[in-house]
Every structure is written in structure tokens, then in C-alpha cells.
């Protein structure tokens, strides 16, 4: 039995189901059941439990951003001037509302936040930084890095690796 948090423990069958789903999110329940040697109702029950526990958060389609016109992937470091709660709350609320921001991480170190941002071109990046990010109250510094080549991009967690 693998303990993933202080509350949820999953067994090897759950682990196998999660590993397959991370690679093949549209696999049918029947095919998934056959792959893990369980009946479809048993797999369905396990999936429902994993969903209720919050281990499976959602099912999504992963799009090829370049094929749909989002040619620029950027990482933007942001520092806040003062760490007053109202500025922090406002910044976080605004990041949640900006569709260009794919990820927002609160950091330790030189910068306070790291944003992963997808835009169509240089003009959209300029508009985002100048018109949306810079006017946010409390921002001290913004540092933008453009991705030249995406070497690896995955959403799959390494469930079957030894720790």
C-alpha cells in the first residue's frame, strides 16, 4: 500500500489505474479493467473513490499549444514590493482570472512568483506584460524569459518510481 498523503492510501491496483489514465485519459472502462485484470464495475468503483478522495481532480484534453497558434511560451518571475496581505490576495485573484497564465507558483528565493504564460506572439506578450501585469498594485519587479525549445512537457506524475 502506498501512502500519498496523511489521509489517502492507494494500493498497487489504484497505482496501475492512475498510471494508465495519465497516459490514456480516454481509455474505456472496459479496456482499463482488462489492463489491470479487474472487472469493469470494480474499476468504476475504484475510479469513483479516487475522484471522491480528490486524487483524480479532473479529466481534460491536452492541446498542442503551437498547433492552435500559441507560439510563445514564457516564464515570468514577479516580485512584490511589500508582502501586505491585500496585495498578495489581489495578485493571486488576478492570476486566477488571467487565461494566459497557465500556472502560477509562489516561490522562495529572489522572486515571489513564477508564472507560466502562453501567448500567440510578441505583441500579445507585450500587451500582457505592459497592460495586465505591470499595473497590478504592489509589483516591484518583473523578469520575463522566453522558451526557445520545450524539451519536456508532461502532466504525468511518476507513480511507479521507487523512492
C-alpha atoms as a PDB file:
ATOM      1  CA  UNK A   1       0.000   0.000   0.000  1.00  0.00           C
ATOM      2  CA  UNK A   2       1.336   3.425  -0.994  1.00  0.00           C
ATOM      3  CA  UNK A   3       0.610   6.390   1.257  1.00  0.00           C
ATOM      4  CA  UNK A   4       0.203   9.543  -0.899  1.00  0.00           C
ATOM      5  CA  UNK A   5      -0.854  11.857   1.895  1.00  0.00           C
ATOM      6  CA  UNK A   6      -1.700  11.616   5.543  1.00  0.00           C
ATOM      7  CA  UNK A   7      -5.275  10.626   4.589  1.00  0.00           C
ATOM      8  CA  UNK A   8      -5.325   8.645   1.350  1.00  0.00           C
ATOM      9  CA  UNK A   9      -3.606   5.329   0.813  1.00  0.00           C
ATOM     10  CA  UNK A  10      -3.827   3.581  -2.521  1.00  0.00           C
ATOM     11  CA  UNK A  11      -2.862   0.055  -3.430  1.00  0.00           C
ATOM     12  CA  UNK A  12      -0.969  -1.289  -6.442  1.00  0.00           C
ATOM     13  CA  UNK A  13      -4.174  -1.621  -8.494  1.00  0.00           C
ATOM     14  CA  UNK A  14      -5.050   2.038  -7.891  1.00  0.00           C
ATOM     15  CA  UNK A  15      -1.481   2.933  -8.826  1.00  0.00           C
ATOM     16  CA  UNK A  16      -1.761   0.955 -12.077  1.00  0.00           C
ATOM     17  CA  UNK A  17      -5.112   2.580 -12.902  1.00  0.00           C
ATOM     18  CA  UNK A  18      -3.729   6.080 -12.259  1.00  0.00           C
ATOM     19  CA  UNK A  19      -0.605   5.402 -14.325  1.00  0.00           C
ATOM     20  CA  UNK A  20      -2.671   4.247 -17.307  1.00  0.00           C
ATOM     21  CA  UNK A  21      -5.131   7.143 -17.009  1.00  0.00           C
ATOM     22  CA  UNK A  22      -2.311   9.691 -17.008  1.00  0.00           C
ATOM     23  CA  UNK A  23      -1.207   8.421 -20.417  1.00  0.00           C
ATOM     24  CA  UNK A  24      -4.565   7.398 -21.881  1.00  0.00           C
ATOM     25  CA  UNK A  25      -7.266   9.585 -20.365  1.00  0.00           C
ATOM     26  CA  UNK A  26      -9.904   8.424 -22.857  1.00  0.00           C
ATOM     27  CA  UNK A  27      -9.419   4.706 -22.302  1.00  0.00           C
ATOM     28  CA  UNK A  28     -12.740   2.954 -21.876  1.00  0.00           C
ATOM     29  CA  UNK A  29     -13.674   1.471 -18.525  1.00  0.00           C
ATOM     30  CA  UNK A  30     -13.762  -1.992 -20.136  1.00  0.00           C
ATOM     31  CA  UNK A  31     -10.264  -1.621 -21.618  1.00  0.00           C
ATOM     32  CA  UNK A  32      -8.902  -0.188 -18.375  1.00  0.00           C
ATOM     33  CA  UNK A  33     -10.401  -3.088 -16.432  1.00  0.00           C
ATOM     34  CA  UNK A  34      -8.797  -5.599 -18.813  1.00  0.00           C
ATOM     35  CA  UNK A  35      -5.393  -3.896 -18.480  1.00  0.00           C
ATOM     36  CA  UNK A  36      -5.430  -4.147 -14.671  1.00  0.00           C
ATOM     37  CA  UNK A  37      -7.189  -7.540 -14.518  1.00  0.00           C
ATOM     38  CA  UNK A  38     -10.323  -6.347 -12.729  1.00  0.00           C
ATOM     39  CA  UNK A  39     -13.993  -6.314 -13.647  1.00  0.00           C
ATOM     40  CA  UNK A  40     -15.394  -3.081 -15.123  1.00  0.00           C
ATOM     41  CA  UNK A  41     -17.633  -2.485 -12.057  1.00  0.00           C
ATOM     42  CA  UNK A  42     -14.621  -2.880  -9.751  1.00  0.00           C
ATOM     43  CA  UNK A  43     -12.615  -0.369 -11.809  1.00  0.00           C
ATOM     44  CA  UNK A  44     -15.574   2.014 -11.851  1.00  0.00           C
ATOM     45  CA  UNK A  45     -15.842   1.825  -8.051  1.00  0.00           C
ATOM     46  CA  UNK A  46     -12.111   2.500  -7.677  1.00  0.00           C
ATOM     47  CA  UNK A  47     -12.310   5.496 -10.035  1.00  0.00           C
ATOM     48  CA  UNK A  48     -15.240   6.951  -8.101  1.00  0.00           C
ATOM     49  CA  UNK A  49     -13.333   6.542  -4.826  1.00  0.00           C
ATOM     50  CA  UNK A  50     -10.203   8.172  -6.289  1.00  0.00           C
ATOM     51  CA  UNK A  51     -12.341  11.056  -7.567  1.00  0.00           C
ATOM     52  CA  UNK A  52     -14.110  11.482  -4.206  1.00  0.00           C
ATOM     53  CA  UNK A  53     -10.756  11.490  -2.398  1.00  0.00           C
ATOM     54  CA  UNK A  54      -9.556  14.237  -4.722  1.00  0.00           C
ATOM     55  CA  UNK A  55      -6.698  12.134  -6.079  1.00  0.00           C
ATOM     56  CA  UNK A  56      -8.272  12.428  -9.536  1.00  0.00           C
ATOM     57  CA  UNK A  57      -9.115  16.130  -9.785  1.00  0.00           C
ATOM     58  CA  UNK A  58     -10.442  16.293 -13.335  1.00  0.00           C
ATOM     59  CA  UNK A  59     -10.298  14.842 -16.822  1.00  0.00           C
ATOM     60  CA  UNK A  60      -9.016  17.119 -19.587  1.00  0.00           C
ATOM     61  CA  UNK A  61      -7.890  17.217 -23.203  1.00  0.00           C
ATOM     62  CA  UNK A  62      -4.274  18.358 -23.534  1.00  0.00           C
ATOM     63  CA  UNK A  63      -3.901  20.590 -26.573  1.00  0.00           C
ATOM     64  CA  UNK A  64      -0.822  21.226 -28.694  1.00  0.00           C
ATOM     65  CA  UNK A  65      -0.423  24.934 -27.985  1.00  0.00           C
ATOM     66  CA  UNK A  66       1.702  25.628 -31.070  1.00  0.00           C
ATOM     67  CA  UNK A  67      -0.769  23.934 -33.436  1.00  0.00           C
ATOM     68  CA  UNK A  68      -3.551  26.168 -32.188  1.00  0.00           C
ATOM     69  CA  UNK A  69      -1.480  29.338 -32.511  1.00  0.00           C
ATOM     70  CA  UNK A  70       0.123  29.883 -29.106  1.00  0.00           C
ATOM     71  CA  UNK A  71       3.690  30.113 -30.390  1.00  0.00           C
ATOM     72  CA  UNK A  72       5.207  31.799 -27.350  1.00  0.00           C
ATOM     73  CA  UNK A  73       5.672  30.088 -24.018  1.00  0.00           C
ATOM     74  CA  UNK A  74       7.155  32.332 -21.336  1.00  0.00           C
ATOM     75  CA  UNK A  75       8.185  32.121 -17.735  1.00  0.00           C
ATOM     76  CA  UNK A  76       7.673  35.356 -15.862  1.00  0.00           C
ATOM     77  CA  UNK A  77       9.180  35.976 -12.439  1.00  0.00           C
ATOM     78  CA  UNK A  78       7.350  38.506 -10.285  1.00  0.00           C
ATOM     79  CA  UNK A  79       8.422  40.174  -7.041  1.00  0.00           C
ATOM     80  CA  UNK A  80       6.038  42.077  -4.830  1.00  0.00           C
ATOM     81  CA  UNK A  81       7.143  45.346  -3.170  1.00  0.00           C
ATOM     82  CA  UNK A  82       5.560  44.628   0.167  1.00  0.00           C
ATOM     83  CA  UNK A  83       4.025  41.399   1.289  1.00  0.00           C
ATOM     84  CA  UNK A  84       0.879  43.003   2.615  1.00  0.00           C
ATOM     85  CA  UNK A  85      -1.993  40.542   2.645  1.00  0.00           C
ATOM     86  CA  UNK A  86      -4.217  42.720   0.464  1.00  0.00           C
ATOM     87  CA  UNK A  87      -1.527  42.873  -2.281  1.00  0.00           C
ATOM     88  CA  UNK A  88      -0.893  39.129  -2.075  1.00  0.00           C
ATOM     89  CA  UNK A  89      -4.609  38.304  -2.193  1.00  0.00           C
ATOM     90  CA  UNK A  90      -5.202  40.725  -5.069  1.00  0.00           C
ATOM     91  CA  UNK A  91      -2.258  39.357  -7.075  1.00  0.00           C
ATOM     92  CA  UNK A  92      -3.412  35.760  -6.610  1.00  0.00           C
ATOM     93  CA  UNK A  93      -7.004  36.615  -7.515  1.00  0.00           C
ATOM     94  CA  UNK A  94      -5.875  38.363 -10.686  1.00  0.00           C
ATOM     95  CA  UNK A  95      -3.610  35.467 -11.722  1.00  0.00           C
ATOM     96  CA  UNK A  96      -6.537  33.060 -11.388  1.00  0.00           C
ATOM     97  CA  UNK A  97      -8.574  35.268 -13.722  1.00  0.00           C
ATOM     98  CA  UNK A  98      -5.941  35.629 -16.482  1.00  0.00           C
ATOM     99  CA  UNK A  99      -6.347  32.884 -19.094  1.00  0.00           C
ATOM    100  CA  UNK A 100      -2.811  33.431 -20.437  1.00  0.00           C
ATOM    101  CA  UNK A 101      -1.415  32.293 -17.077  1.00  0.00           C
ATOM    102  CA  UNK A 102      -1.242  28.502 -17.290  1.00  0.00           C
ATOM    103  CA  UNK A 103       0.489  28.110 -13.931  1.00  0.00           C
ATOM    104  CA  UNK A 104       1.293  30.401 -11.012  1.00  0.00           C
ATOM    105  CA  UNK A 105       3.653  29.272  -8.272  1.00  0.00           C
ATOM    106  CA  UNK A 106       4.548  31.028  -5.007  1.00  0.00           C
ATOM    107  CA  UNK A 107       8.314  30.692  -4.527  1.00  0.00           C
ATOM    108  CA  UNK A 108      11.117  31.132  -2.081  1.00  0.00           C
ATOM    109  CA  UNK A 109      14.227  32.977  -3.208  1.00  0.00           C
ATOM    110  CA  UNK A 110      14.792  36.080  -5.297  1.00  0.00           C
ATOM    111  CA  UNK A 111      11.290  36.246  -6.790  1.00  0.00           C
ATOM    112  CA  UNK A 112       7.925  35.706  -5.134  1.00  0.00           C
ATOM    113  CA  UNK A 113       6.006  34.135  -8.032  1.00  0.00           C
ATOM    114  CA  UNK A 114       6.737  32.206 -11.193  1.00  0.00           C
ATOM    115  CA  UNK A 115       4.162  32.373 -13.971  1.00  0.00           C
ATOM    116  CA  UNK A 116       3.960  30.050 -16.946  1.00  0.00           C
ATOM    117  CA  UNK A 117       2.309  32.079 -19.698  1.00  0.00           C
ATOM    118  CA  UNK A 118       1.201  31.157 -23.226  1.00  0.00           C
ATOM    119  CA  UNK A 119       0.603  33.853 -25.830  1.00  0.00           C
ATOM    120  CA  UNK A 120       0.264  33.850 -29.604  1.00  0.00           C
ATOM    121  CA  UNK A 121       3.078  36.257 -30.441  1.00  0.00           C
ATOM    122  CA  UNK A 122       5.405  39.027 -29.268  1.00  0.00           C
ATOM    123  CA  UNK A 123       2.630  41.636 -29.477  1.00  0.00           C
ATOM    124  CA  UNK A 124       0.363  39.605 -27.164  1.00  0.00           C
ATOM    125  CA  UNK A 125       3.267  39.182 -24.750  1.00  0.00           C
ATOM    126  CA  UNK A 126       3.865  42.924 -24.732  1.00  0.00           C
ATOM    127  CA  UNK A 127       0.156  43.590 -24.167  1.00  0.00           C
ATOM    128  CA  UNK A 128       0.063  41.068 -21.323  1.00  0.00           C
ATOM    129  CA  UNK A 129       3.140  42.413 -19.528  1.00  0.00           C
ATOM    130  CA  UNK A 130       2.518  46.133 -20.104  1.00  0.00           C
ATOM    131  CA  UNK A 131      -1.270  46.320 -19.818  1.00  0.00           C
ATOM    132  CA  UNK A 132      -2.199  43.457 -17.497  1.00  0.00           C
ATOM    133  CA  UNK A 133       0.766  42.582 -15.296  1.00  0.00           C
ATOM    134  CA  UNK A 134       2.632  45.855 -14.740  1.00  0.00           C
ATOM    135  CA  UNK A 135      -0.396  47.870 -13.481  1.00  0.00           C
ATOM    136  CA  UNK A 136      -1.089  45.397 -10.652  1.00  0.00           C
ATOM    137  CA  UNK A 137      -0.607  47.255  -7.353  1.00  0.00           C
ATOM    138  CA  UNK A 138       2.327  46.052  -5.298  1.00  0.00           C
ATOM    139  CA  UNK A 139       4.513  44.601  -8.064  1.00  0.00           C
ATOM    140  CA  UNK A 140       8.174  45.565  -7.674  1.00  0.00           C
ATOM    141  CA  UNK A 141       9.907  43.586 -10.452  1.00  0.00           C
ATOM    142  CA  UNK A 142       9.004  41.532 -13.489  1.00  0.00           C
ATOM    143  CA  UNK A 143      11.510  39.347 -15.316  1.00  0.00           C
ATOM    144  CA  UNK A 144      10.388  37.543 -18.484  1.00  0.00           C
ATOM    145  CA  UNK A 145      12.136  34.575 -20.115  1.00  0.00           C
ATOM    146  CA  UNK A 146      11.046  33.210 -23.486  1.00  0.00           C
ATOM    147  CA  UNK A 147      11.147  29.478 -24.100  1.00  0.00           C
ATOM    148  CA  UNK A 148      13.264  28.689 -27.161  1.00  0.00           C
ATOM    149  CA  UNK A 149      12.669  24.937 -27.183  1.00  0.00           C
ATOM    150  CA  UNK A 150      10.397  22.877 -24.991  1.00  0.00           C
ATOM    151  CA  UNK A 151      12.492  19.787 -24.195  1.00  0.00           C
ATOM    152  CA  UNK A 152       9.996  18.009 -21.944  1.00  0.00           C
ATOM    153  CA  UNK A 153       6.426  18.773 -21.022  1.00  0.00           C
ATOM    154  CA  UNK A 154       4.302  16.282 -19.140  1.00  0.00           C
ATOM    155  CA  UNK A 155       1.443  16.231 -16.710  1.00  0.00           C
ATOM    156  CA  UNK A 156       2.080  12.610 -15.652  1.00  0.00           C
ATOM    157  CA  UNK A 157       3.356  12.093 -12.112  1.00  0.00           C
ATOM    158  CA  UNK A 158       5.990   9.342 -11.672  1.00  0.00           C
ATOM    159  CA  UNK A 159       3.840   6.927  -9.638  1.00  0.00           C
ATOM    160  CA  UNK A 160       5.819   3.763 -10.350  1.00  0.00           C
ATOM    161  CA  UNK A 161       9.257   5.041  -9.434  1.00  0.00           C
ATOM    162  CA  UNK A 162      10.976   3.876  -6.279  1.00  0.00           C
ATOM    163  CA  UNK A 163      11.648   6.497  -3.638  1.00  0.00           C
END
